[in-house]
């Protein structure tokens, strides 16, 4: 029979399986039981340290959706469907919403991405 490698831990294997399967509650319970019983091996302790380590946050303000992106996107595509030129539609929406043309372009791009994702999700 083949030898089990020295770095194998049945405790850590069960815990890692739970983590990878998205069963965070089970993983937390298994870690707690192993650590509180005092028989956690080195790999289980390392896994616990990684699991309970505070998550680092990215610097700066989190990204958010452009203001009025849905209204801008719907109106932009409505105007384009009626034959309004691209630059004219940007200018009109810029005045209406009090945003720069760059912000209008960003909102339209955000709308297009959201619509594409929605269409893909509902196509199935």
Protein backbone atom coordinates (compact mmCIF):
# COMPACT_ATOMS: atom_id res chain seq x y z
CA UNK A 1 0.00 0.00 0.00
CA UNK A 2 1.27 3.47 -0.84
CA UNK A 3 2.34 5.76 1.97
CA UNK A 4 0.33 8.89 2.67
CA UNK A 5 2.49 11.97 2.13
CA UNK A 6 3.75 13.68 5.25
CA UNK A 7 1.79 16.83 4.49
CA UNK A 8 -1.62 15.12 4.51
CA UNK A 9 -4.13 15.94 7.22
CA UNK A 10 -7.58 14.39 7.35
CA UNK A 11 -8.82 17.28 9.50
CA UNK A 12 -7.55 19.91 7.08
CA UNK A 13 -8.85 17.92 4.09
CA UNK A 14 -12.42 17.91 5.46
CA UNK A 15 -12.23 21.61 6.31
CA UNK A 16 -10.82 22.59 2.91
CA UNK A 17 -13.53 20.55 1.20
CA UNK A 18 -16.20 22.44 3.13
CA UNK A 19 -14.61 25.80 2.24
CA UNK A 20 -14.34 24.99 -1.47
CA UNK A 21 -17.93 23.71 -1.57
CA UNK A 22 -19.16 26.99 -0.07
CA UNK A 23 -20.21 25.45 3.25
CA UNK A 24 -18.71 28.17 5.43
CA UNK A 25 -20.76 27.23 8.49
CA UNK A 26 -19.55 23.64 8.36
CA UNK A 27 -15.96 24.75 7.84
CA UNK A 28 -16.17 27.13 10.79
CA UNK A 29 -17.65 24.39 13.01
CA UNK A 30 -14.97 21.86 12.01
CA UNK A 31 -12.22 24.40 12.68
CA UNK A 32 -13.72 25.31 16.03
CA UNK A 33 -14.02 21.64 17.09
CA UNK A 34 -10.46 20.83 16.07
CA UNK A 35 -8.99 23.89 17.78
CA UNK A 36 -11.05 23.64 20.96
CA UNK A 37 -10.28 19.92 21.38
CA UNK A 38 -6.58 20.76 21.32
CA UNK A 39 -5.72 18.10 18.77
CA UNK A 40 -5.44 20.31 15.68
CA UNK A 41 -2.38 19.43 13.65
CA UNK A 42 -0.07 21.97 12.03
CA UNK A 43 -1.96 22.09 8.71
CA UNK A 44 -5.29 22.62 10.45
CA UNK A 45 -3.83 25.45 12.50
CA UNK A 46 -2.40 27.07 9.37
CA UNK A 47 -5.76 26.70 7.64
CA UNK A 48 -7.52 28.29 10.64
CA UNK A 49 -5.10 31.21 10.60
CA UNK A 50 -5.79 31.83 6.90
CA UNK A 51 -9.55 31.37 7.32
CA UNK A 52 -9.93 33.70 10.29
CA UNK A 53 -7.42 36.31 9.12
CA UNK A 54 -9.07 39.67 8.53
CA UNK A 55 -9.80 40.34 4.87
CA UNK A 56 -7.83 43.23 3.48
CA UNK A 57 -9.89 45.89 1.81
CA UNK A 58 -8.88 47.76 -1.28
CA UNK A 59 -7.79 51.33 -0.83
CA UNK A 60 -10.05 54.18 -1.74
CA UNK A 61 -13.74 54.43 -2.25
CA UNK A 62 -15.56 51.35 -3.57
CA UNK A 63 -16.73 51.61 -7.17
CA UNK A 64 -20.36 52.48 -7.66
CA UNK A 65 -22.72 52.73 -10.58
CA UNK A 66 -22.89 56.07 -12.43
CA UNK A 67 -25.71 58.34 -11.30
CA UNK A 68 -28.98 57.89 -13.22
CA UNK A 69 -27.37 55.20 -15.41
CA UNK A 70 -30.62 53.39 -16.15
CA UNK A 71 -32.58 56.50 -17.15
CA UNK A 72 -29.68 57.80 -19.22
CA UNK A 73 -29.20 54.46 -20.99
CA UNK A 74 -32.87 54.04 -21.83
CA UNK A 75 -33.22 57.60 -23.09
CA UNK A 76 -29.97 57.45 -25.07
CA UNK A 77 -30.99 54.33 -26.95
CA UNK A 78 -34.49 55.70 -27.48
CA UNK A 79 -33.04 58.87 -29.00
CA UNK A 80 -30.65 56.90 -31.19
CA UNK A 81 -33.53 54.70 -32.34
CA UNK A 82 -35.40 57.82 -33.44
CA UNK A 83 -32.47 58.91 -35.60
CA UNK A 84 -30.75 61.44 -33.32
CA UNK A 85 -27.00 61.60 -33.96
CA UNK A 86 -24.64 60.20 -31.33
CA UNK A 87 -23.04 63.53 -30.40
CA UNK A 88 -26.42 65.32 -30.34
CA UNK A 89 -27.86 62.68 -28.00
CA UNK A 90 -24.86 63.05 -25.68
CA UNK A 91 -25.25 66.84 -25.65
CA UNK A 92 -28.99 66.75 -24.93
CA UNK A 93 -28.63 64.22 -22.13
CA UNK A 94 -25.71 66.15 -20.70
CA UNK A 95 -27.89 69.24 -20.40
CA UNK A 96 -30.91 67.34 -19.11
CA UNK A 97 -29.09 65.44 -16.35
CA UNK A 98 -26.51 68.11 -15.53
CA UNK A 99 -23.59 65.78 -16.22
CA UNK A 100 -20.61 65.99 -18.53
CA UNK A 101 -20.64 64.12 -21.82
CA UNK A 102 -17.97 61.81 -20.42
CA UNK A 103 -20.28 60.89 -17.54
CA UNK A 104 -23.10 60.27 -20.02
CA UNK A 105 -20.84 57.96 -22.07
CA UNK A 106 -19.87 56.10 -18.89
CA UNK A 107 -23.53 55.71 -17.87
CA UNK A 108 -24.49 54.43 -21.33
CA UNK A 109 -21.61 51.92 -21.28
CA UNK A 110 -22.69 50.76 -17.81
CA UNK A 111 -26.27 50.39 -19.06
CA UNK A 112 -25.11 48.40 -22.09
CA UNK A 113 -23.07 46.02 -19.91
CA UNK A 114 -25.96 45.53 -17.49
CA UNK A 115 -28.40 44.92 -20.34
CA UNK A 116 -26.04 42.43 -22.00
CA UNK A 117 -25.61 40.55 -18.70
CA UNK A 118 -29.37 40.50 -18.16
CA UNK A 119 -30.07 39.32 -21.70
CA UNK A 120 -27.49 36.55 -21.35
CA UNK A 121 -28.91 35.43 -17.99
CA UNK A 122 -32.50 35.34 -19.22
CA UNK A 123 -31.72 33.73 -22.58
CA UNK A 124 -31.26 30.31 -21.01
